[in-house]
Amino acid sequence: MGTAALQFKLREVARSGTWTTATAITRIAGIDPATAHADADLGRVLATIDAAEQAVGRPLLSAVVVQRASGLPHPGFFTYARALGLHVGSDDRALWERELQRVHSYWSRH
């Protein structure tokens, strides 16, 4: 599977106006969730997808992926958003909700 399959799945999720969990998509990315580094591997794949999305002016597609325990994206999402200048405050939930809305809005039209 891999990045392309995961990107396709995330776009489907975005078009539906919902979100998914990291657990639900790990295998789509070709990652064995039982490995100790699965979370880090998924983070790298999601960062690659987000970089491609940003390069063409689209919102962070990984906003549709949350951690089951927190209900928020992985901390790497917020680190990446800060690096891009999208997140300058400390309210992670507000950033995520804003970016999730942008993703849903964009993909509902495409």
C-alpha atoms as a PDB file:
ATOM      1  CA  MET A   1       0.000   0.000   0.000  1.00  0.00           C
ATOM      2  CA  GLY A   2       1.823   3.187   1.050  1.00  0.00           C
ATOM      3  CA  THR A   3       1.635   6.912   0.730  1.00  0.00           C
ATOM      4  CA  ALA A   4      -0.595   7.065  -2.353  1.00  0.00           C
ATOM      5  CA  ALA A   5      -3.161   4.664  -0.891  1.00  0.00           C
ATOM      6  CA  LEU A   6      -3.184   6.553   2.387  1.00  0.00           C
ATOM      7  CA  GLN A   7      -3.519   9.912   0.654  1.00  0.00           C
ATOM      8  CA  PHE A   8      -6.504   8.552  -1.303  1.00  0.00           C
ATOM      9  CA  LYS A   9      -8.119   7.269   1.914  1.00  0.00           C
ATOM     10  CA  LEU A  10      -7.564  10.567   3.744  1.00  0.00           C
ATOM     11  CA  ARG A  11      -9.163  12.472   0.878  1.00  0.00           C
ATOM     12  CA  GLU A  12     -12.194  10.155   1.096  1.00  0.00           C
ATOM     13  CA  VAL A  13     -12.429  10.830   4.828  1.00  0.00           C
ATOM     14  CA  ALA A  14     -12.121  14.569   4.235  1.00  0.00           C
ATOM     15  CA  ARG A  15     -14.829  14.521   1.554  1.00  0.00           C
ATOM     16  CA  SER A  16     -17.153  12.739   3.971  1.00  0.00           C
ATOM     17  CA  GLY A  17     -16.707  15.542   6.506  1.00  0.00           C
ATOM     18  CA  THR A  18     -15.435  13.187   9.201  1.00  0.00           C
ATOM     19  CA  TRP A  19     -12.143  12.071  10.700  1.00  0.00           C
ATOM     20  CA  THR A  20     -10.409   8.763  11.346  1.00  0.00           C
ATOM     21  CA  THR A  21      -7.983   7.351  13.882  1.00  0.00           C
ATOM     22  CA  ALA A  22      -4.307   6.656  13.456  1.00  0.00           C
ATOM     23  CA  THR A  23      -5.022   3.038  14.394  1.00  0.00           C
ATOM     24  CA  ALA A  24      -7.515   2.717  11.536  1.00  0.00           C
ATOM     25  CA  ILE A  25      -5.093   3.913   8.853  1.00  0.00           C
ATOM     26  CA  THR A  26      -1.727   2.509   9.901  1.00  0.00           C
ATOM     27  CA  ARG A  27      -2.028  -0.629   7.760  1.00  0.00           C
ATOM     28  CA  ILE A  28      -3.185   1.413   4.751  1.00  0.00           C
ATOM     29  CA  ALA A  29       0.178   3.191   4.976  1.00  0.00           C
ATOM     30  CA  GLY A  30       1.900  -0.196   4.856  1.00  0.00           C
ATOM     31  CA  ILE A  31       2.960  -0.008   8.487  1.00  0.00           C
ATOM     32  CA  ASP A  32       2.663  -2.865  10.957  1.00  0.00           C
ATOM     33  CA  PRO A  33       0.949  -1.323  13.998  1.00  0.00           C
ATOM     34  CA  ALA A  34       2.565  -3.923  16.270  1.00  0.00           C
ATOM     35  CA  THR A  35       6.053  -2.518  15.769  1.00  0.00           C
ATOM     36  CA  ALA A  36       7.585  -0.193  18.339  1.00  0.00           C
ATOM     37  CA  HIS A  37       8.153   2.513  15.724  1.00  0.00           C
ATOM     38  CA  ALA A  38       4.722   2.389  14.039  1.00  0.00           C
ATOM     39  CA  ASP A  39       3.674   5.775  15.430  1.00  0.00           C
ATOM     40  CA  ALA A  40       6.852   7.473  14.233  1.00  0.00           C
ATOM     41  CA  ASP A  41       6.621   5.777  10.827  1.00  0.00           C
ATOM     42  CA  LEU A  42       3.032   6.917  10.391  1.00  0.00           C
ATOM     43  CA  GLY A  43       4.035  10.424  11.412  1.00  0.00           C
ATOM     44  CA  ARG A  44       6.659  10.516   8.671  1.00  0.00           C
ATOM     45  CA  VAL A  45       4.172   9.318   6.053  1.00  0.00           C
ATOM     46  CA  LEU A  46       1.612  11.911   7.153  1.00  0.00           C
ATOM     47  CA  ALA A  47       4.282  14.643   7.056  1.00  0.00           C
ATOM     48  CA  THR A  48       5.157  13.612   3.502  1.00  0.00           C
ATOM     49  CA  ILE A  49       1.497  13.847   2.509  1.00  0.00           C
ATOM     50  CA  ASP A  50       1.108  17.221   4.211  1.00  0.00           C
ATOM     51  CA  ALA A  51       4.214  18.583   2.491  1.00  0.00           C
ATOM     52  CA  ALA A  52       2.789  17.573  -0.888  1.00  0.00           C
ATOM     53  CA  GLU A  53      -0.574  19.124  -0.034  1.00  0.00           C
ATOM     54  CA  GLN A  54       1.057  22.370   1.142  1.00  0.00           C
ATOM     55  CA  ALA A  55       3.207  22.542  -1.996  1.00  0.00           C
ATOM     56  CA  VAL A  56       0.049  22.929  -4.084  1.00  0.00           C
ATOM     57  CA  GLY A  57      -1.720  25.251  -1.654  1.00  0.00           C
ATOM     58  CA  ARG A  58      -4.027  22.762   0.045  1.00  0.00           C
ATOM     59  CA  PRO A  59      -4.668  22.459   3.803  1.00  0.00           C
ATOM     60  CA  LEU A  60      -3.009  19.819   5.996  1.00  0.00           C
ATOM     61  CA  LEU A  61      -4.769  16.598   5.050  1.00  0.00           C
ATOM     62  CA  SER A  62      -3.501  14.849   8.164  1.00  0.00           C
ATOM     63  CA  ALA A  63      -5.938  16.964  10.191  1.00  0.00           C
ATOM     64  CA  VAL A  64      -8.460  14.169   9.595  1.00  0.00           C
ATOM     65  CA  VAL A  65      -6.292  11.732  11.611  1.00  0.00           C
ATOM     66  CA  VAL A  66      -6.654  11.744  15.390  1.00  0.00           C
ATOM     67  CA  GLN A  67      -5.309   9.662  18.217  1.00  0.00           C
ATOM     68  CA  ARG A  68      -7.939   7.549  19.869  1.00  0.00           C
ATOM     69  CA  ALA A  69      -6.860   8.489  23.410  1.00  0.00           C
ATOM     70  CA  SER A  70      -6.775  12.278  23.000  1.00  0.00           C
ATOM     71  CA  GLY A  71      -9.159  12.888  20.115  1.00  0.00           C
ATOM     72  CA  LEU A  72      -6.518  15.204  18.640  1.00  0.00           C
ATOM     73  CA  PRO A  73      -3.849  14.675  15.994  1.00  0.00           C
ATOM     74  CA  HIS A  74      -0.437  13.372  16.973  1.00  0.00           C
ATOM     75  CA  PRO A  75       1.818  16.073  18.490  1.00  0.00           C
ATOM     76  CA  GLY A  76       3.850  16.005  15.265  1.00  0.00           C
ATOM     77  CA  PHE A  77       0.885  17.604  13.474  1.00  0.00           C
ATOM     78  CA  PHE A  78       1.192  20.671  15.688  1.00  0.00           C
ATOM     79  CA  THR A  79       4.976  20.772  15.364  1.00  0.00           C
ATOM     80  CA  TYR A  80       4.640  20.712  11.575  1.00  0.00           C
ATOM     81  CA  ALA A  81       1.926  23.386  11.619  1.00  0.00           C
ATOM     82  CA  ARG A  82       4.185  25.621  13.712  1.00  0.00           C
ATOM     83  CA  ALA A  83       7.102  25.069  11.323  1.00  0.00           C
ATOM     84  CA  LEU A  84       4.853  26.198   8.469  1.00  0.00           C
ATOM     85  CA  GLY A  85       3.721  29.259  10.412  1.00  0.00           C
ATOM     86  CA  LEU A  86       0.129  27.997  10.564  1.00  0.00           C
ATOM     87  CA  HIS A  87       0.150  27.720  14.341  1.00  0.00           C
ATOM     88  CA  VAL A  88       1.646  30.512  16.397  1.00  0.00           C
ATOM     89  CA  GLY A  89      -0.453  30.204  19.537  1.00  0.00           C
ATOM     90  CA  SER A  90      -0.723  27.551  22.179  1.00  0.00           C
ATOM     91  CA  ASP A  91      -4.314  26.420  21.574  1.00  0.00           C
ATOM     92  CA  ASP A  92      -3.778  23.138  19.761  1.00  0.00           C
ATOM     93  CA  ARG A  93      -7.477  22.272  19.686  1.00  0.00           C
ATOM     94  CA  ALA A  94      -8.337  25.581  17.990  1.00  0.00           C
ATOM     95  CA  LEU A  95      -5.669  25.017  15.339  1.00  0.00           C
ATOM     96  CA  TRP A  96      -6.873  21.474  14.710  1.00  0.00           C
ATOM     97  CA  GLU A  97     -10.531  22.522  14.455  1.00  0.00           C
ATOM     98  CA  ARG A  98      -9.627  25.323  12.043  1.00  0.00           C
ATOM     99  CA  GLU A  99      -7.467  23.084   9.870  1.00  0.00           C
ATOM    100  CA  LEU A 100     -10.040  20.277   9.946  1.00  0.00           C
ATOM    101  CA  GLN A 101     -12.681  22.735   8.753  1.00  0.00           C
ATOM    102  CA  ARG A 102     -10.376  23.905   5.955  1.00  0.00           C
ATOM    103  CA  VAL A 103      -9.718  20.294   4.892  1.00  0.00           C
ATOM    104  CA  HIS A 104     -13.405  19.391   4.919  1.00  0.00           C
ATOM    105  CA  SER A 105     -14.312  22.549   3.025  1.00  0.00           C
ATOM    106  CA  TYR A 106     -11.659  22.030   0.358  1.00  0.00           C
ATOM    107  CA  TRP A 107     -12.286  18.338  -0.238  1.00  0.00           C
ATOM    108  CA  SER A 108     -16.075  18.655  -0.231  1.00  0.00           C
ATOM    109  CA  ARG A 109     -15.623  20.715  -3.408  1.00  0.00           C
ATOM    110  CA  HIS A 110     -13.014  18.504  -5.118  1.00  0.00           C
END
